[in-house]
Amino acid sequence: MVDSEGNAIDKNLSLPDEIQGSLDKNGIMIQNYGNAMNDYEKFTECGLKYISLIKVVK
């Protein structure tokens, strides 16, 4: 977790070593966890199955 300024609240927070996602012209889509046959979880603090990082153009 981060505070309102983007600084880590827990300095000992372990982050994933490797993240894979799908890249397109509008952003990145990350699958956060798998299923019964392929069990994994990237961001344990997040309950979302898919995380979208959307590019915003101003």
PDB file of N, CA and C in Angstrom:
ATOM      1  N   MET A   1       0.837  -1.179   0.000  1.00  0.00           N
ATOM      2  CA  MET A   1       0.000   0.000   0.000  1.00  0.00           C
ATOM      3  C   MET A   1       0.881   1.240   0.000  1.00  0.00           C
ATOM      4  N   VAL A   2       0.346   2.296  -0.578  1.00  0.00           N
ATOM      5  CA  VAL A   2       1.055   3.570  -0.613  1.00  0.00           C
ATOM      6  C   VAL A   2       0.180   4.654   0.007  1.00  0.00           C
ATOM      7  N   ASP A   3       0.839   5.724   0.454  1.00  0.00           N
ATOM      8  CA  ASP A   3       0.083   6.838   1.006  1.00  0.00           C
ATOM      9  C   ASP A   3      -0.390   7.747  -0.123  1.00  0.00           C
ATOM     10  N   SER A   4      -1.002   8.860   0.232  1.00  0.00           N
ATOM     11  CA  SER A   4      -1.565   9.761  -0.785  1.00  0.00           C
ATOM     12  C   SER A   4      -0.503  10.400  -1.681  1.00  0.00           C
ATOM     13  N   GLU A   5       0.767  10.340  -1.266  1.00  0.00           N
ATOM     14  CA  GLU A   5       1.865  10.906  -2.066  1.00  0.00           C
ATOM     15  C   GLU A   5       2.607   9.837  -2.864  1.00  0.00           C
ATOM     16  N   GLY A   6       2.156   8.580  -2.766  1.00  0.00           N
ATOM     17  CA  GLY A   6       2.765   7.502  -3.533  1.00  0.00           C
ATOM     18  C   GLY A   6       3.942   6.828  -2.844  1.00  0.00           C
ATOM     19  N   ASN A   7       4.181   7.132  -1.571  1.00  0.00           N
ATOM     20  CA  ASN A   7       5.271   6.515  -0.821  1.00  0.00           C
ATOM     21  C   ASN A   7       4.772   5.241  -0.147  1.00  0.00           C
ATOM     22  N   ALA A   8       5.631   4.230  -0.104  1.00  0.00           N
ATOM     23  CA  ALA A   8       5.263   2.947   0.501  1.00  0.00           C
ATOM     24  C   ALA A   8       4.993   3.107   1.986  1.00  0.00           C
ATOM     25  N   ILE A   9       3.860   2.585   2.453  1.00  0.00           N
ATOM     26  CA  ILE A   9       3.524   2.626   3.873  1.00  0.00           C
ATOM     27  C   ILE A   9       4.340   1.578   4.619  1.00  0.00           C
ATOM     28  N   ASP A  10       4.407   0.384   4.085  1.00  0.00           N
ATOM     29  CA  ASP A  10       5.179  -0.702   4.685  1.00  0.00           C
ATOM     30  C   ASP A  10       6.490  -0.835   3.925  1.00  0.00           C
ATOM     31  N   LYS A  11       7.581  -0.446   4.538  1.00  0.00           N
ATOM     32  CA  LYS A  11       8.893  -0.469   3.876  1.00  0.00           C
ATOM     33  C   LYS A  11       9.393  -1.887   3.622  1.00  0.00           C
ATOM     34  N   ASN A  12       8.834  -2.890   4.326  1.00  0.00           N
ATOM     35  CA  ASN A  12       9.250  -4.284   4.166  1.00  0.00           C
ATOM     36  C   ASN A  12       8.307  -5.074   3.261  1.00  0.00           C
ATOM     37  N   LEU A  13       7.487  -4.387   2.491  1.00  0.00           N
ATOM     38  CA  LEU A  13       6.526  -5.031   1.609  1.00  0.00           C
ATOM     39  C   LEU A  13       7.258  -5.814   0.523  1.00  0.00           C
ATOM     40  N   SER A  14       6.911  -7.094   0.374  1.00  0.00           N
ATOM     41  CA  SER A  14       7.533  -7.891  -0.681  1.00  0.00           C
ATOM     42  C   SER A  14       6.725  -7.732  -1.967  1.00  0.00           C
ATOM     43  N   LEU A  15       7.418  -7.466  -3.037  1.00  0.00           N
ATOM     44  CA  LEU A  15       6.787  -7.284  -4.341  1.00  0.00           C
ATOM     45  C   LEU A  15       7.105  -8.473  -5.241  1.00  0.00           C
ATOM     46  N   PRO A  16       6.244  -8.766  -6.198  1.00  0.00           N
ATOM     47  CA  PRO A  16       6.508  -9.873  -7.125  1.00  0.00           C
ATOM     48  C   PRO A  16       7.786  -9.631  -7.924  1.00  0.00           C
ATOM     49  N   ASP A  17       8.506 -10.722  -8.213  1.00  0.00           N
ATOM     50  CA  ASP A  17       9.750 -10.628  -8.984  1.00  0.00           C
ATOM     51  C   ASP A  17       9.479 -10.446 -10.469  1.00  0.00           C
ATOM     52  N   GLU A  18       8.405 -11.047 -10.948  1.00  0.00           N
ATOM     53  CA  GLU A  18       8.128 -11.058 -12.387  1.00  0.00           C
ATOM     54  C   GLU A  18       6.639 -10.850 -12.622  1.00  0.00           C
ATOM     55  N   ILE A  19       6.312  -9.905 -13.456  1.00  0.00           N
ATOM     56  CA  ILE A  19       4.923  -9.634 -13.811  1.00  0.00           C
ATOM     57  C   ILE A  19       4.808  -9.728 -15.327  1.00  0.00           C
ATOM     58  N   GLN A  20       3.792 -10.421 -15.803  1.00  0.00           N
ATOM     59  CA  GLN A  20       3.522 -10.513 -17.228  1.00  0.00           C
ATOM     60  C   GLN A  20       2.147  -9.944 -17.491  1.00  0.00           C
ATOM     61  N   GLY A  21       1.989  -9.317 -18.637  1.00  0.00           N
ATOM     62  CA  GLY A  21       0.705  -8.753 -19.006  1.00  0.00           C
ATOM     63  C   GLY A  21       0.579  -8.636 -20.511  1.00  0.00           C
ATOM     64  N   SER A  22      -0.600  -8.223 -20.935  1.00  0.00           N
ATOM     65  CA  SER A  22      -0.860  -7.997 -22.357  1.00  0.00           C
ATOM     66  C   SER A  22      -0.804  -6.502 -22.628  1.00  0.00           C
ATOM     67  N   LEU A  23      -0.009  -6.125 -23.598  1.00  0.00           N
ATOM     68  CA  LEU A  23       0.191  -4.729 -23.948  1.00  0.00           C
ATOM     69  C   LEU A  23      -0.555  -4.407 -25.232  1.00  0.00           C
ATOM     70  N   ASP A  24      -1.311  -3.304 -25.236  1.00  0.00           N
ATOM     71  CA  ASP A  24      -1.895  -2.794 -26.468  1.00  0.00           C
ATOM     72  C   ASP A  24      -1.700  -1.280 -26.487  1.00  0.00           C
ATOM     73  N   LYS A  25      -2.257  -0.608 -27.464  1.00  0.00           N
ATOM     74  CA  LYS A  25      -1.997   0.828 -27.614  1.00  0.00           C
ATOM     75  C   LYS A  25      -2.599   1.675 -26.486  1.00  0.00           C
ATOM     76  N   ASN A  26      -3.561   1.119 -25.725  1.00  0.00           N
ATOM     77  CA  ASN A  26      -4.224   1.877 -24.667  1.00  0.00           C
ATOM     78  C   ASN A  26      -3.751   1.538 -23.261  1.00  0.00           C
ATOM     79  N   GLY A  27      -2.929   0.499 -23.089  1.00  0.00           N
ATOM     80  CA  GLY A  27      -2.465   0.162 -21.752  1.00  0.00           C
ATOM     81  C   GLY A  27      -2.000  -1.262 -21.603  1.00  0.00           C
ATOM     82  N   ILE A  28      -2.002  -1.735 -20.348  1.00  0.00           N
ATOM     83  CA  ILE A  28      -1.522  -3.069 -19.996  1.00  0.00           C
ATOM     84  C   ILE A  28      -2.589  -3.769 -19.162  1.00  0.00           C
ATOM     85  N   MET A  29      -2.834  -5.039 -19.439  1.00  0.00           N
ATOM     86  CA  MET A  29      -3.767  -5.865 -18.675  1.00  0.00           C
ATOM     87  C   MET A  29      -2.961  -6.978 -17.998  1.00  0.00           C
ATOM     88  N   ILE A  30      -3.078  -7.080 -16.662  1.00  0.00           N
ATOM     89  CA  ILE A  30      -2.359  -8.084 -15.881  1.00  0.00           C
ATOM     90  C   ILE A  30      -3.376  -9.039 -15.255  1.00  0.00           C
ATOM     91  N   GLN A  31      -3.143 -10.350 -15.384  1.00  0.00           N
ATOM     92  CA  GLN A  31      -3.977 -11.323 -14.684  1.00  0.00           C
ATOM     93  C   GLN A  31      -3.343 -11.551 -13.323  1.00  0.00           C
ATOM     94  N   ASN A  32      -4.051 -11.165 -12.277  1.00  0.00           N
ATOM     95  CA  ASN A  32      -3.510 -11.172 -10.920  1.00  0.00           C
ATOM     96  C   ASN A  32      -3.435 -12.559 -10.296  1.00  0.00           C
ATOM     97  N   TYR A  33      -4.397 -13.431 -10.575  1.00  0.00           N
ATOM     98  CA  TYR A  33      -4.340 -14.780 -10.009  1.00  0.00           C
ATOM     99  C   TYR A  33      -4.902 -15.794 -10.985  1.00  0.00           C
ATOM    100  N   GLY A  34      -4.542 -17.045 -10.771  1.00  0.00           N
ATOM    101  CA  GLY A  34      -4.921 -18.118 -11.685  1.00  0.00           C
ATOM    102  C   GLY A  34      -6.195 -18.829 -11.274  1.00  0.00           C
ATOM    103  N   ASN A  35      -6.214 -20.147 -11.472  1.00  0.00           N
ATOM    104  CA  ASN A  35      -7.390 -20.963 -11.168  1.00  0.00           C
ATOM    105  C   ASN A  35      -6.940 -22.240 -10.454  1.00  0.00           C
ATOM    106  N   ALA A  36      -7.843 -23.202 -10.319  1.00  0.00           N
ATOM    107  CA  ALA A  36      -7.522 -24.440  -9.601  1.00  0.00           C
ATOM    108  C   ALA A  36      -6.399 -25.232 -10.279  1.00  0.00           C
ATOM    109  N   MET A  37      -6.324 -25.182 -11.585  1.00  0.00           N
ATOM    110  CA  MET A  37      -5.291 -25.923 -12.319  1.00  0.00           C
ATOM    111  C   MET A  37      -3.955 -25.174 -12.354  1.00  0.00           C
ATOM    112  N   ASN A  38      -3.998 -23.864 -12.300  1.00  0.00           N
ATOM    113  CA  ASN A  38      -2.801 -23.029 -12.381  1.00  0.00           C
ATOM    114  C   ASN A  38      -2.887 -21.983 -11.264  1.00  0.00           C
ATOM    115  N   ASP A  39      -2.560 -22.401 -10.050  1.00  0.00           N
ATOM    116  CA  ASP A  39      -2.748 -21.559  -8.873  1.00  0.00           C
ATOM    117  C   ASP A  39      -1.550 -20.632  -8.655  1.00  0.00           C
ATOM    118  N   TYR A  40      -1.787 -19.328  -8.712  1.00  0.00           N
ATOM    119  CA  TYR A  40      -0.772 -18.321  -8.416  1.00  0.00           C
ATOM    120  C   TYR A  40      -1.485 -17.024  -8.059  1.00  0.00           C
ATOM    121  N   GLU A  41      -0.752 -16.131  -7.416  1.00  0.00           N
ATOM    122  CA  GLU A  41      -1.285 -14.809  -7.101  1.00  0.00           C
ATOM    123  C   GLU A  41      -0.128 -13.829  -7.114  1.00  0.00           C
ATOM    124  N   LYS A  42      -0.248 -12.745  -7.878  1.00  0.00           N
ATOM    125  CA  LYS A  42       0.821 -11.755  -8.009  1.00  0.00           C
ATOM    126  C   LYS A  42       0.761 -10.695  -6.917  1.00  0.00           C
ATOM    127  N   PHE A  43      -0.393 -10.062  -6.736  1.00  0.00           N
ATOM    128  CA  PHE A  43      -0.573  -9.007  -5.745  1.00  0.00           C
ATOM    129  C   PHE A  43      -1.595  -9.492  -4.718  1.00  0.00           C
ATOM    130  N   THR A  44      -1.125 -10.015  -3.591  1.00  0.00           N
ATOM    131  CA  THR A  44      -2.009 -10.627  -2.601  1.00  0.00           C
ATOM    132  C   THR A  44      -2.941  -9.613  -1.943  1.00  0.00           C
ATOM    133  N   GLU A  45      -2.572  -8.358  -1.892  1.00  0.00           N
ATOM    134  CA  GLU A  45      -3.409  -7.329  -1.269  1.00  0.00           C
ATOM    135  C   GLU A  45      -4.568  -6.901  -2.173  1.00  0.00           C
ATOM    136  N   CYS A  46      -4.548  -7.314  -3.430  1.00  0.00           N
ATOM    137  CA  CYS A  46      -5.566  -6.909  -4.400  1.00  0.00           C
ATOM    138  C   CYS A  46      -6.458  -8.107  -4.718  1.00  0.00           C
ATOM    139  N   GLY A  47      -7.764  -7.939  -4.575  1.00  0.00           N
ATOM    140  CA  GLY A  47      -8.690  -9.023  -4.838  1.00  0.00           C
ATOM    141  C   GLY A  47      -9.157  -9.121  -6.279  1.00  0.00           C
ATOM    142  N   LEU A  48      -8.694  -8.223  -7.138  1.00  0.00           N
ATOM    143  CA  LEU A  48      -9.123  -8.234  -8.537  1.00  0.00           C
ATOM    144  C   LEU A  48      -8.409  -9.327  -9.318  1.00  0.00           C
ATOM    145  N   LYS A  49      -9.151 -10.021 -10.182  1.00  0.00           N
ATOM    146  CA  LYS A  49      -8.526 -11.029 -11.041  1.00  0.00           C
ATOM    147  C   LYS A  49      -7.716 -10.369 -12.150  1.00  0.00           C
ATOM    148  N   TYR A  50      -8.239  -9.298 -12.729  1.00  0.00           N
ATOM    149  CA  TYR A  50      -7.539  -8.582 -13.794  1.00  0.00           C
ATOM    150  C   TYR A  50      -7.284  -7.149 -13.355  1.00  0.00           C
ATOM    151  N   ILE A  51      -6.063  -6.679 -13.582  1.00  0.00           N
ATOM    152  CA  ILE A  51      -5.676  -5.304 -13.266  1.00  0.00           C
ATOM    153  C   ILE A  51      -5.391  -4.611 -14.589  1.00  0.00           C
ATOM    154  N   SER A  52      -6.064  -3.484 -14.808  1.00  0.00           N
ATOM    155  CA  SER A  52      -5.875  -2.708 -16.041  1.00  0.00           C
ATOM    156  C   SER A  52      -5.095  -1.438 -15.737  1.00  0.00           C
ATOM    157  N   LEU A  53      -4.019  -1.245 -16.456  1.00  0.00           N
ATOM    158  CA  LEU A  53      -3.258  -0.001 -16.394  1.00  0.00           C
ATOM    159  C   LEU A  53      -3.552   0.721 -17.701  1.00  0.00           C
ATOM    160  N   ILE A  54      -4.352   1.766 -17.624  1.00  0.00           N
ATOM    161  CA  ILE A  54      -4.853   2.442 -18.813  1.00  0.00           C
ATOM    162  C   ILE A  54      -4.054   3.715 -19.066  1.00  0.00           C
ATOM    163  N   LYS A  55      -3.588   3.861 -20.286  1.00  0.00           N
ATOM    164  CA  LYS A  55      -2.846   5.051 -20.693  1.00  0.00           C
ATOM    165  C   LYS A  55      -3.819   6.210 -20.874  1.00  0.00           C
ATOM    166  N   VAL A  56      -3.516   7.322 -20.210  1.00  0.00           N
ATOM    167  CA  VAL A  56      -4.343   8.524 -20.326  1.00  0.00           C
ATOM    168  C   VAL A  56      -3.532   9.577 -21.056  1.00  0.00           C
ATOM    169  N   VAL A  57      -4.093  10.078 -22.140  1.00  0.00           N
ATOM    170  CA  VAL A  57      -3.416  11.110 -22.936  1.00  0.00           C
ATOM    171  C   VAL A  57      -4.089  12.448 -22.642  1.00  0.00           C
ATOM    172  N   LYS A  58      -3.276  13.426 -22.278  1.00  0.00           N
ATOM    173  CA  LYS A  58      -3.824  14.762 -21.995  1.00  0.00           C
ATOM    174  C   LYS A  58      -3.401  15.751 -23.044  1.00  0.00           C
TER     175      LYS A  58
END
